[in-house]
């Protein structure tokens, strides 16, 4: 089923933000270190329609949903991020793969099995067996999959299992792009566990 046009979905997502959240979105957009960079004069003081146009024209339709969803999640607007991804019928999946390839990693295509994402399919095993959770949280914060508030809150949880459950109940319920990034981070910090789980049918 065809999804909503990216530009229209982007406008809808940004229109639902409060003025304060839109300003935070713009601030995070300008703070991105990865290229292409957004010129400050293109978005600062602009309304949601102008900002949506700039995001789509700067990152192209193939990448815009991923970038916007990551920023929305980082500012605590996970509902808008999830709606954006759903309305565009998961058009983040292609751009997330490209982002990973550009970073020299494995494509996110292998992160999905049939219709279920790897991190969903192996949720139970990952919750019970992931041990390097603090390093994983550091990378999730750096990639803006979680924001500082969520990072601090999860770090205070006592056990690795409960920390993983908190991730699944929060940021990993949102965009597929977040799950793709999480999968890549797991490959980095839990290489042998992920290889073992990938070998299971």
N, C-alpha and C. Protein backbone atom coordinates (compact mmCIF):
# COMPACT_ATOMS: atom_id res chain seq x y z
N UNK A 1 0.84 -1.19 0.00
CA UNK A 1 0.00 0.00 0.00
C UNK A 1 0.88 1.24 0.00
N UNK A 2 0.56 2.16 -0.87
CA UNK A 2 1.38 3.35 -1.01
C UNK A 2 1.22 4.24 0.21
N UNK A 3 2.30 4.81 0.63
CA UNK A 3 2.26 5.68 1.79
C UNK A 3 1.96 7.11 1.39
N UNK A 4 1.83 7.95 2.39
CA UNK A 4 1.59 9.37 2.18
C UNK A 4 2.85 10.00 1.60
N UNK A 5 2.73 10.99 0.72
CA UNK A 5 3.93 11.66 0.21
C UNK A 5 4.79 12.19 1.35
N UNK A 6 6.10 12.06 1.20
CA UNK A 6 7.02 12.42 2.27
C UNK A 6 6.84 13.87 2.70
N UNK A 7 6.73 14.77 1.74
CA UNK A 7 6.61 16.20 2.07
C UNK A 7 5.35 16.46 2.90
N UNK A 8 4.23 15.86 2.51
CA UNK A 8 2.98 16.06 3.24
C UNK A 8 3.06 15.47 4.65
N UNK A 9 3.63 14.27 4.77
CA UNK A 9 3.77 13.64 6.08
C UNK A 9 4.70 14.46 6.98
N UNK A 10 5.76 15.02 6.37
CA UNK A 10 6.70 15.83 7.13
C UNK A 10 6.01 17.09 7.67
N UNK A 11 5.23 17.73 6.83
CA UNK A 11 4.51 18.92 7.28
C UNK A 11 3.54 18.58 8.40
N UNK A 12 2.86 17.45 8.26
CA UNK A 12 1.92 17.03 9.30
C UNK A 12 2.60 16.79 10.63
N UNK A 13 3.76 16.13 10.59
CA UNK A 13 4.50 15.83 11.82
C UNK A 13 4.97 17.11 12.50
N UNK A 14 5.50 18.04 11.72
CA UNK A 14 6.02 19.28 12.30
C UNK A 14 4.89 20.22 12.73
N UNK A 15 3.76 20.14 12.05
CA UNK A 15 2.62 20.97 12.43
C UNK A 15 2.10 20.58 13.82
N UNK A 16 2.25 19.31 14.17
CA UNK A 16 1.76 18.83 15.47
C UNK A 16 2.66 19.23 16.63
N UNK A 17 3.84 19.74 16.33
CA UNK A 17 4.76 20.14 17.40
C UNK A 17 4.32 21.46 18.02
N UNK A 18 4.61 21.61 19.31
CA UNK A 18 4.42 22.91 19.94
C UNK A 18 5.48 23.87 19.39
N UNK A 19 5.29 25.15 19.61
CA UNK A 19 6.29 26.13 19.16
C UNK A 19 7.65 25.82 19.77
N UNK A 20 7.64 25.43 21.04
CA UNK A 20 8.90 25.14 21.73
C UNK A 20 9.57 23.90 21.11
N UNK A 21 8.77 22.87 20.81
CA UNK A 21 9.34 21.66 20.23
C UNK A 21 9.84 21.90 18.81
N UNK A 22 9.14 22.75 18.05
CA UNK A 22 9.61 23.08 16.71
C UNK A 22 10.96 23.80 16.78
N UNK A 23 11.11 24.68 17.75
CA UNK A 23 12.40 25.37 17.93
C UNK A 23 13.50 24.38 18.30
N UNK A 24 13.16 23.40 19.14
CA UNK A 24 14.13 22.36 19.51
C UNK A 24 14.48 21.50 18.31
N UNK A 25 13.49 21.21 17.49
CA UNK A 25 13.72 20.43 16.28
C UNK A 25 14.71 21.17 15.37
N UNK A 26 14.47 22.46 15.18
CA UNK A 26 15.35 23.28 14.34
C UNK A 26 16.76 23.34 14.92
N UNK A 27 16.85 23.47 16.24
CA UNK A 27 18.15 23.54 16.90
C UNK A 27 18.93 22.24 16.69
N UNK A 28 18.25 21.10 16.84
CA UNK A 28 18.90 19.80 16.63
C UNK A 28 19.26 19.60 15.16
N UNK A 29 18.41 20.09 14.28
CA UNK A 29 18.68 19.98 12.85
C UNK A 29 19.96 20.75 12.49
N UNK A 30 20.10 21.93 13.04
CA UNK A 30 21.28 22.74 12.77
C UNK A 30 22.53 22.17 13.44
N UNK A 31 22.33 21.40 14.51
CA UNK A 31 23.46 20.85 15.25
C UNK A 31 24.01 19.57 14.64
N UNK A 32 23.32 19.02 13.64
CA UNK A 32 23.80 17.78 13.02
C UNK A 32 25.20 17.96 12.46
N UNK A 33 26.06 16.99 12.76
CA UNK A 33 27.45 17.06 12.29
C UNK A 33 27.63 16.40 10.92
N UNK A 34 26.70 15.49 10.60
CA UNK A 34 26.81 14.78 9.32
C UNK A 34 26.39 15.68 8.17
N UNK A 35 27.00 15.46 7.03
CA UNK A 35 26.61 16.18 5.82
C UNK A 35 25.47 15.44 5.15
N UNK A 36 24.60 16.18 4.40
CA UNK A 36 24.64 17.62 4.16
C UNK A 36 24.15 18.41 5.37
N UNK A 37 24.69 19.61 5.54
CA UNK A 37 24.30 20.50 6.63
C UNK A 37 23.21 21.44 6.15
N UNK A 38 22.35 21.83 7.07
CA UNK A 38 21.26 22.75 6.74
C UNK A 38 21.71 24.18 7.07
N UNK A 39 21.62 25.10 6.11
CA UNK A 39 21.99 26.49 6.38
C UNK A 39 21.06 27.11 7.42
N UNK A 40 21.63 27.82 8.38
CA UNK A 40 20.85 28.41 9.47
C UNK A 40 19.75 29.33 8.96
N UNK A 41 20.06 30.13 7.94
CA UNK A 41 19.06 31.10 7.48
C UNK A 41 17.88 30.47 6.76
N UNK A 42 17.99 29.16 6.46
CA UNK A 42 16.90 28.47 5.77
C UNK A 42 15.80 28.02 6.73
N UNK A 43 16.15 27.86 8.03
CA UNK A 43 15.16 27.30 8.96
C UNK A 43 14.93 28.16 10.21
N UNK A 44 15.90 28.95 10.60
CA UNK A 44 15.76 29.71 11.85
C UNK A 44 14.65 30.75 11.71
N UNK A 45 13.67 30.70 12.63
CA UNK A 45 12.56 31.63 12.60
C UNK A 45 11.49 31.30 11.58
N UNK A 46 11.62 30.15 10.91
CA UNK A 46 10.66 29.76 9.88
C UNK A 46 9.53 28.93 10.48
N UNK A 47 8.40 28.82 9.74
CA UNK A 47 7.29 28.00 10.24
C UNK A 47 7.48 26.55 9.82
N UNK A 48 6.56 25.68 10.26
CA UNK A 48 6.72 24.24 10.05
C UNK A 48 6.74 23.88 8.56
N UNK A 49 6.00 24.63 7.73
CA UNK A 49 5.96 24.32 6.29
C UNK A 49 7.32 24.58 5.64
N UNK A 50 7.92 25.70 5.99
CA UNK A 50 9.24 26.02 5.44
C UNK A 50 10.29 25.01 5.91
N UNK A 51 10.22 24.65 7.19
CA UNK A 51 11.19 23.70 7.73
C UNK A 51 11.04 22.34 7.06
N UNK A 52 9.80 21.89 6.87
CA UNK A 52 9.56 20.61 6.20
C UNK A 52 10.13 20.63 4.78
N UNK A 53 9.91 21.73 4.06
CA UNK A 53 10.44 21.86 2.70
C UNK A 53 11.96 21.75 2.70
N UNK A 54 12.60 22.41 3.68
CA UNK A 54 14.06 22.41 3.74
C UNK A 54 14.59 21.00 4.05
N UNK A 55 13.94 20.31 4.97
CA UNK A 55 14.38 18.95 5.33
C UNK A 55 14.31 18.04 4.12
N UNK A 56 13.20 18.09 3.40
CA UNK A 56 13.04 17.20 2.23
C UNK A 56 13.98 17.58 1.11
N UNK A 57 14.15 18.87 0.86
CA UNK A 57 15.02 19.28 -0.25
C UNK A 57 16.50 19.05 0.09
N UNK A 58 16.84 19.16 1.36
CA UNK A 58 18.25 18.98 1.76
C UNK A 58 18.64 17.51 1.75
N UNK A 59 17.78 16.66 2.31
CA UNK A 59 18.14 15.25 2.49
C UNK A 59 17.52 14.32 1.45
N UNK A 60 16.69 14.87 0.58
CA UNK A 60 15.92 14.11 -0.41
C UNK A 60 14.88 13.23 0.27
N UNK A 61 13.88 12.84 -0.47
CA UNK A 61 12.80 12.05 0.12
C UNK A 61 13.32 10.73 0.68
N UNK A 62 14.40 10.22 0.10
CA UNK A 62 14.92 8.93 0.52
C UNK A 62 15.52 8.99 1.93
N UNK A 63 16.04 10.14 2.32
CA UNK A 63 16.72 10.26 3.62
C UNK A 63 15.97 11.13 4.62
N UNK A 64 15.04 11.96 4.15
CA UNK A 64 14.43 12.96 5.02
C UNK A 64 13.67 12.34 6.19
N UNK A 65 12.96 11.25 5.95
CA UNK A 65 12.16 10.64 7.01
C UNK A 65 13.05 10.13 8.14
N UNK A 66 14.16 9.50 7.78
CA UNK A 66 15.09 8.99 8.79
C UNK A 66 15.64 10.12 9.63
N UNK A 67 16.10 11.18 8.98
CA UNK A 67 16.69 12.32 9.70
C UNK A 67 15.66 12.95 10.64
N UNK A 68 14.46 13.19 10.11
CA UNK A 68 13.42 13.84 10.92
C UNK A 68 12.99 12.94 12.09
N UNK A 69 12.85 11.64 11.84
CA UNK A 69 12.43 10.72 12.89
C UNK A 69 13.47 10.66 14.01
N UNK A 70 14.75 10.64 13.64
CA UNK A 70 15.80 10.61 14.65
C UNK A 70 15.78 11.86 15.52
N UNK A 71 15.58 13.02 14.87
CA UNK A 71 15.54 14.27 15.63
C UNK A 71 14.30 14.32 16.52
N UNK A 72 13.16 13.90 15.99
CA UNK A 72 11.93 13.90 16.78
C UNK A 72 12.08 13.01 18.01
N UNK A 73 12.68 11.85 17.83
CA UNK A 73 12.91 10.97 18.99
C UNK A 73 13.86 11.61 19.99
N UNK A 74 14.87 12.30 19.48
CA UNK A 74 15.88 12.89 20.37
C UNK A 74 15.30 14.02 21.22
N UNK A 75 14.22 14.67 20.75
CA UNK A 75 13.62 15.76 21.52
C UNK A 75 12.37 15.29 22.28
N UNK A 76 12.17 13.98 22.30
CA UNK A 76 11.06 13.42 23.07
C UNK A 76 9.72 13.40 22.37
N UNK A 77 9.72 13.57 21.06
CA UNK A 77 8.47 13.55 20.29
C UNK A 77 8.36 12.24 19.52
N UNK A 78 8.37 11.13 20.27
CA UNK A 78 8.39 9.82 19.62
C UNK A 78 7.07 9.50 18.92
N UNK A 79 5.96 10.04 19.42
CA UNK A 79 4.67 9.79 18.76
C UNK A 79 4.67 10.37 17.35
N UNK A 80 5.17 11.59 17.23
CA UNK A 80 5.24 12.22 15.90
C UNK A 80 6.20 11.47 14.98
N UNK A 81 7.32 10.97 15.57
CA UNK A 81 8.28 10.20 14.77
C UNK A 81 7.64 8.92 14.25
N UNK A 82 6.90 8.24 15.13
CA UNK A 82 6.26 6.98 14.74
C UNK A 82 5.21 7.22 13.66
N UNK A 83 4.42 8.28 13.84
CA UNK A 83 3.39 8.60 12.85
C UNK A 83 4.01 8.93 11.50
N UNK A 84 5.09 9.70 11.52
CA UNK A 84 5.77 10.06 10.28
C UNK A 84 6.23 8.83 9.52
N UNK A 85 6.83 7.89 10.24
CA UNK A 85 7.33 6.67 9.60
C UNK A 85 6.17 5.83 9.07
N UNK A 86 5.11 5.71 9.88
CA UNK A 86 3.96 4.90 9.45
C UNK A 86 3.29 5.51 8.22
N UNK A 87 3.15 6.82 8.21
CA UNK A 87 2.46 7.47 7.10
C UNK A 87 3.24 7.39 5.79
N UNK A 88 4.55 7.27 5.91
CA UNK A 88 5.35 7.16 4.69
C UNK A 88 5.67 5.71 4.36
N UNK A 89 4.94 4.80 5.03
CA UNK A 89 5.07 3.36 4.79
C UNK A 89 6.50 2.86 4.94
N UNK A 90 7.16 3.31 6.02
CA UNK A 90 8.49 2.80 6.32
C UNK A 90 9.55 3.20 5.32
N UNK A 91 9.40 4.37 4.71
CA UNK A 91 10.40 4.80 3.73
C UNK A 91 11.74 5.11 4.37
N UNK A 92 11.81 4.97 5.71
CA UNK A 92 13.10 5.13 6.39
C UNK A 92 14.01 3.94 6.13
N UNK A 93 13.44 2.79 5.77
CA UNK A 93 14.25 1.58 5.69
C UNK A 93 15.35 1.70 4.65
N UNK A 94 15.04 2.29 3.51
CA UNK A 94 16.04 2.44 2.46
C UNK A 94 17.13 3.41 2.88
N UNK A 95 16.70 4.55 3.47
CA UNK A 95 17.69 5.54 3.85
C UNK A 95 18.54 5.07 5.00
N UNK A 96 17.94 4.30 5.92
CA UNK A 96 18.72 3.77 7.02
C UNK A 96 19.80 2.84 6.51
N UNK A 97 19.47 2.05 5.49
CA UNK A 97 20.46 1.15 4.90
C UNK A 97 21.60 1.96 4.30
N UNK A 98 21.25 3.03 3.60
CA UNK A 98 22.26 3.85 2.96
C UNK A 98 23.17 4.50 4.00
N UNK A 99 22.56 4.98 5.09
CA UNK A 99 23.36 5.60 6.15
C UNK A 99 24.37 4.62 6.72
N UNK A 100 23.94 3.39 6.92
CA UNK A 100 24.84 2.39 7.47
C UNK A 100 25.96 2.07 6.49
N UNK A 101 25.60 1.97 5.20
CA UNK A 101 26.62 1.69 4.19
C UNK A 101 27.66 2.80 4.16
N UNK A 102 27.20 4.05 4.26
CA UNK A 102 28.12 5.17 4.21
C UNK A 102 29.05 5.16 5.42
N UNK A 103 28.57 4.59 6.54
CA UNK A 103 29.39 4.51 7.74
C UNK A 103 30.31 3.31 7.71
N UNK A 104 30.24 2.52 6.64
CA UNK A 104 31.12 1.37 6.50
C UNK A 104 30.62 0.14 7.21
N UNK A 105 29.33 0.15 7.60
CA UNK A 105 28.79 -1.00 8.32
C UNK A 105 27.97 -1.89 7.43
N UNK A 106 27.33 -2.86 8.07
CA UNK A 106 26.47 -3.79 7.34
C UNK A 106 25.14 -3.11 7.08
N UNK A 107 24.51 -3.41 5.97
CA UNK A 107 23.24 -2.77 5.65
C UNK A 107 22.16 -3.26 6.58
N UNK A 108 21.11 -2.43 6.74
CA UNK A 108 20.03 -2.79 7.64
C UNK A 108 19.14 -3.87 7.03
N UNK A 109 19.34 -4.21 5.78
CA UNK A 109 18.52 -5.24 5.16
C UNK A 109 18.61 -6.53 5.96
N UNK A 110 19.81 -6.84 6.47
CA UNK A 110 19.99 -8.07 7.23
C UNK A 110 19.40 -7.97 8.63
N UNK A 111 18.96 -6.76 9.03
CA UNK A 111 18.38 -6.59 10.35
C UNK A 111 16.95 -7.10 10.39
N UNK A 112 16.34 -7.35 9.24
CA UNK A 112 14.97 -7.80 9.20
C UNK A 112 14.88 -9.22 8.67
N UNK A 113 14.00 -10.00 9.30
CA UNK A 113 13.73 -11.34 8.83
C UNK A 113 12.25 -11.42 8.52
N UNK A 114 11.94 -11.70 7.25
CA UNK A 114 10.55 -11.65 6.80
C UNK A 114 9.99 -10.28 7.13
N UNK A 115 8.88 -10.23 7.91
CA UNK A 115 8.28 -8.95 8.24
C UNK A 115 8.65 -8.48 9.63
N UNK A 116 9.45 -9.26 10.34
CA UNK A 116 9.79 -8.91 11.72
C UNK A 116 11.25 -8.46 11.82
N UNK A 117 11.47 -7.35 12.46
CA UNK A 117 12.82 -6.82 12.63
C UNK A 117 13.62 -7.73 13.56
N UNK A 118 14.91 -7.81 13.33
CA UNK A 118 15.79 -8.66 14.15
C UNK A 118 15.63 -8.37 15.64
N UNK A 119 15.59 -7.09 16.01
CA UNK A 119 15.56 -6.77 17.44
C UNK A 119 14.21 -7.11 18.06
N UNK A 120 13.17 -7.21 17.24
CA UNK A 120 11.87 -7.65 17.74
C UNK A 120 11.81 -9.18 17.82
N UNK A 121 12.32 -9.83 16.80
CA UNK A 121 12.30 -11.29 16.76
C UNK A 121 13.07 -11.89 17.93
N UNK A 122 14.18 -11.28 18.30
CA UNK A 122 15.04 -11.83 19.36
C UNK A 122 14.96 -11.01 20.64
N UNK A 123 13.83 -10.37 20.84
CA UNK A 123 13.65 -9.49 22.01
C UNK A 123 14.00 -10.22 23.32
N UNK A 124 13.43 -11.40 23.53
CA UNK A 124 13.64 -12.12 24.79
C UNK A 124 15.11 -12.43 25.04
N UNK A 125 15.79 -12.94 24.01
CA UNK A 125 17.20 -13.29 24.15
C UNK A 125 18.05 -12.05 24.38
N UNK A 126 17.74 -10.98 23.68
CA UNK A 126 18.53 -9.75 23.83
C UNK A 126 18.35 -9.16 25.23
N UNK A 127 17.13 -9.16 25.73
CA UNK A 127 16.88 -8.64 27.08
C UNK A 127 17.67 -9.44 28.12
N UNK A 128 17.69 -10.74 27.97
CA UNK A 128 18.34 -11.59 28.97
C UNK A 128 19.86 -11.63 28.84
N UNK A 129 20.39 -11.46 27.61
CA UNK A 129 21.80 -11.77 27.40
C UNK A 129 22.71 -10.59 27.07
N UNK A 130 22.16 -9.45 26.69
CA UNK A 130 23.01 -8.29 26.41
C UNK A 130 23.63 -7.81 27.73
N UNK A 131 24.94 -7.66 27.72
CA UNK A 131 25.65 -7.28 28.95
C UNK A 131 26.31 -5.91 28.88
N UNK A 132 26.69 -5.48 27.67
CA UNK A 132 27.40 -4.19 27.52
C UNK A 132 26.42 -3.03 27.36
N UNK A 133 25.41 -3.02 28.21
CA UNK A 133 24.31 -2.09 28.01
C UNK A 133 24.72 -0.63 28.17
N UNK A 134 25.66 -0.33 29.08
CA UNK A 134 26.04 1.07 29.27
C UNK A 134 26.76 1.64 28.04
N UNK A 135 27.60 0.82 27.42
CA UNK A 135 28.27 1.25 26.18
C UNK A 135 27.25 1.43 25.06
N UNK A 136 26.26 0.56 25.03
CA UNK A 136 25.19 0.65 24.02
C UNK A 136 24.41 1.94 24.23
N UNK A 137 24.10 2.27 25.48
CA UNK A 137 23.38 3.51 25.78
C UNK A 137 24.18 4.73 25.34
N UNK A 138 25.50 4.69 25.56
CA UNK A 138 26.36 5.80 25.13
C UNK A 138 26.22 6.04 23.62
N UNK A 139 26.25 4.94 22.84
CA UNK A 139 26.15 5.06 21.39
C UNK A 139 24.75 5.50 20.96
N UNK A 140 23.73 5.00 21.65
CA UNK A 140 22.35 5.41 21.32
C UNK A 140 22.16 6.91 21.57
N UNK A 141 22.78 7.42 22.63
CA UNK A 141 22.70 8.86 22.90
C UNK A 141 23.44 9.64 21.82
N UNK A 142 24.62 9.16 21.44
CA UNK A 142 25.41 9.84 20.41
C UNK A 142 24.67 9.88 19.08
N UNK A 143 23.96 8.79 18.76
CA UNK A 143 23.21 8.71 17.51
C UNK A 143 21.84 9.37 17.60
N UNK A 144 21.51 9.89 18.81
CA UNK A 144 20.26 10.60 19.05
C UNK A 144 19.03 9.71 18.92
N UNK A 145 19.23 8.41 19.16
CA UNK A 145 18.08 7.50 19.24
C UNK A 145 17.37 7.73 20.58
N UNK A 146 18.15 8.06 21.62
CA UNK A 146 17.57 8.47 22.90
C UNK A 146 18.09 9.85 23.25
N UNK A 147 17.31 10.57 24.05
CA UNK A 147 17.76 11.89 24.47
C UNK A 147 18.44 11.81 25.84
N UNK A 148 18.96 12.91 26.31
CA UNK A 148 19.73 12.92 27.55
C UNK A 148 18.87 12.48 28.73
N UNK A 149 17.63 12.89 28.75
CA UNK A 149 16.75 12.54 29.87
C UNK A 149 16.53 11.03 29.94
N UNK A 150 16.23 10.42 28.78
CA UNK A 150 16.02 8.97 28.75
C UNK A 150 17.31 8.23 29.09
N UNK A 151 18.43 8.74 28.59
CA UNK A 151 19.74 8.13 28.87
C UNK A 151 20.01 8.10 30.38
N UNK A 152 19.81 9.23 31.03
CA UNK A 152 20.07 9.32 32.47
C UNK A 152 19.14 8.40 33.25
N UNK A 153 17.86 8.38 32.86
CA UNK A 153 16.88 7.57 33.55
C UNK A 153 17.20 6.07 33.44
N UNK A 154 17.56 5.63 32.22
CA UNK A 154 17.84 4.21 32.01
C UNK A 154 19.14 3.81 32.70
N UNK A 155 20.13 4.70 32.69
CA UNK A 155 21.40 4.38 33.36
C UNK A 155 21.21 4.12 34.85
N UNK A 156 20.20 4.72 35.46
CA UNK A 156 19.97 4.56 36.89
C UNK A 156 19.28 3.24 37.24
N UNK A 157 18.77 2.54 36.23
CA UNK A 157 18.11 1.26 36.48
C UNK A 157 19.15 0.22 36.89
N UNK A 158 18.76 -0.66 37.80
CA UNK A 158 19.73 -1.53 38.47
C UNK A 158 20.34 -2.60 37.58
N UNK A 159 19.52 -3.34 36.82
CA UNK A 159 20.04 -4.51 36.10
C UNK A 159 20.05 -4.29 34.60
N UNK A 160 20.95 -4.99 33.88
CA UNK A 160 20.97 -4.89 32.41
C UNK A 160 19.64 -5.31 31.79
N UNK A 161 18.99 -6.31 32.39
CA UNK A 161 17.72 -6.79 31.84
C UNK A 161 16.65 -5.70 31.89
N UNK A 162 16.58 -5.01 33.04
CA UNK A 162 15.58 -3.95 33.17
C UNK A 162 15.92 -2.76 32.28
N UNK A 163 17.20 -2.50 32.10
CA UNK A 163 17.60 -1.42 31.18
C UNK A 163 17.17 -1.73 29.76
N UNK A 164 17.36 -2.99 29.34
CA UNK A 164 16.94 -3.39 28.00
C UNK A 164 15.42 -3.30 27.85
N UNK A 165 14.70 -3.71 28.88
CA UNK A 165 13.23 -3.62 28.82
C UNK A 165 12.79 -2.15 28.67
N UNK A 166 13.48 -1.26 29.37
CA UNK A 166 13.15 0.16 29.27
C UNK A 166 13.39 0.68 27.85
N UNK A 167 14.44 0.20 27.21
CA UNK A 167 14.70 0.58 25.81
C UNK A 167 13.57 0.10 24.90
N UNK A 168 13.16 -1.15 25.10
CA UNK A 168 12.09 -1.70 24.26
C UNK A 168 10.76 -0.98 24.48
N UNK A 169 10.52 -0.56 25.71
CA UNK A 169 9.25 0.12 26.01
C UNK A 169 9.27 1.58 25.58
N UNK A 170 10.45 2.11 25.30
CA UNK A 170 10.57 3.52 24.92
C UNK A 170 10.97 3.71 23.48
N UNK A 171 12.24 4.06 23.22
CA UNK A 171 12.68 4.43 21.87
C UNK A 171 12.52 3.34 20.82
N UNK A 172 12.61 2.07 21.23
CA UNK A 172 12.54 1.00 20.23
C UNK A 172 11.11 0.70 19.80
N UNK A 173 10.13 1.40 20.38
CA UNK A 173 8.75 1.26 19.93
C UNK A 173 8.47 2.22 18.78
N UNK A 174 9.42 3.09 18.49
CA UNK A 174 9.19 4.14 17.50
C UNK A 174 9.65 3.70 16.11
N UNK A 175 10.44 4.53 15.46
CA UNK A 175 10.77 4.33 14.06
C UNK A 175 11.63 3.10 13.81
N UNK A 176 11.43 2.49 12.64
CA UNK A 176 12.28 1.37 12.23
C UNK A 176 13.73 1.82 12.15
N UNK A 177 13.93 3.07 11.78
CA UNK A 177 15.31 3.59 11.70
C UNK A 177 16.03 3.46 13.04
N UNK A 178 15.29 3.66 14.15
CA UNK A 178 15.90 3.52 15.47
C UNK A 178 16.32 2.08 15.72
N UNK A 179 15.48 1.14 15.27
CA UNK A 179 15.82 -0.28 15.44
C UNK A 179 17.03 -0.65 14.59
N UNK A 180 17.11 -0.07 13.40
CA UNK A 180 18.27 -0.33 12.53
C UNK A 180 19.56 0.13 13.19
N UNK A 181 19.52 1.32 13.77
CA UNK A 181 20.71 1.86 14.44
C UNK A 181 21.05 1.00 15.66
N UNK A 182 20.03 0.62 16.42
CA UNK A 182 20.23 -0.24 17.59
C UNK A 182 20.89 -1.56 17.19
N UNK A 183 20.42 -2.12 16.08
CA UNK A 183 20.98 -3.38 15.57
C UNK A 183 22.47 -3.23 15.25
N UNK A 184 22.83 -2.12 14.60
CA UNK A 184 24.23 -1.89 14.26
C UNK A 184 25.09 -1.73 15.52
N UNK A 185 24.53 -1.06 16.53
CA UNK A 185 25.27 -0.88 17.78
C UNK A 185 25.44 -2.22 18.49
N UNK A 186 24.42 -3.06 18.43
CA UNK A 186 24.53 -4.40 19.01
C UNK A 186 25.63 -5.21 18.32
N UNK A 187 25.71 -5.07 17.00
CA UNK A 187 26.77 -5.78 16.28
C UNK A 187 28.15 -5.34 16.77
N UNK A 188 28.28 -4.09 17.14
CA UNK A 188 29.56 -3.55 17.59
C UNK A 188 29.91 -4.06 19.00
N UNK A 189 28.93 -4.05 19.91
CA UNK A 189 29.22 -4.34 21.31
C UNK A 189 28.89 -5.78 21.73
N UNK A 190 28.06 -6.47 20.94
CA UNK A 190 27.67 -7.84 21.28
C UNK A 190 27.84 -8.73 20.05
N UNK A 191 29.02 -8.65 19.45
CA UNK A 191 29.26 -9.29 18.16
C UNK A 191 28.92 -10.78 18.17
N UNK A 192 29.40 -11.51 19.17
CA UNK A 192 29.22 -12.97 19.16
C UNK A 192 27.78 -13.37 19.45
N UNK A 193 27.11 -12.62 20.32
CA UNK A 193 25.70 -12.89 20.60
C UNK A 193 24.87 -12.68 19.34
N UNK A 194 25.12 -11.58 18.62
CA UNK A 194 24.34 -11.29 17.42
C UNK A 194 24.59 -12.35 16.35
N UNK A 195 25.83 -12.77 16.19
CA UNK A 195 26.14 -13.82 15.21
C UNK A 195 25.41 -15.11 15.56
N UNK A 196 25.37 -15.43 16.86
CA UNK A 196 24.67 -16.64 17.29
C UNK A 196 23.18 -16.55 16.98
N UNK A 197 22.57 -15.41 17.30
CA UNK A 197 21.15 -15.24 17.05
C UNK A 197 20.83 -15.21 15.57
N UNK A 198 21.72 -14.62 14.77
CA UNK A 198 21.51 -14.60 13.32
C UNK A 198 21.54 -15.99 12.72
N UNK A 199 22.23 -16.91 13.38
CA UNK A 199 22.33 -18.27 12.88
C UNK A 199 21.11 -19.10 13.19
N UNK A 200 20.22 -18.56 14.05
CA UNK A 200 19.02 -19.29 14.42
C UNK A 200 17.89 -18.98 13.45
N UNK A 201 17.18 -20.00 13.07
CA UNK A 201 16.04 -19.81 12.17
C UNK A 201 14.76 -19.61 12.97
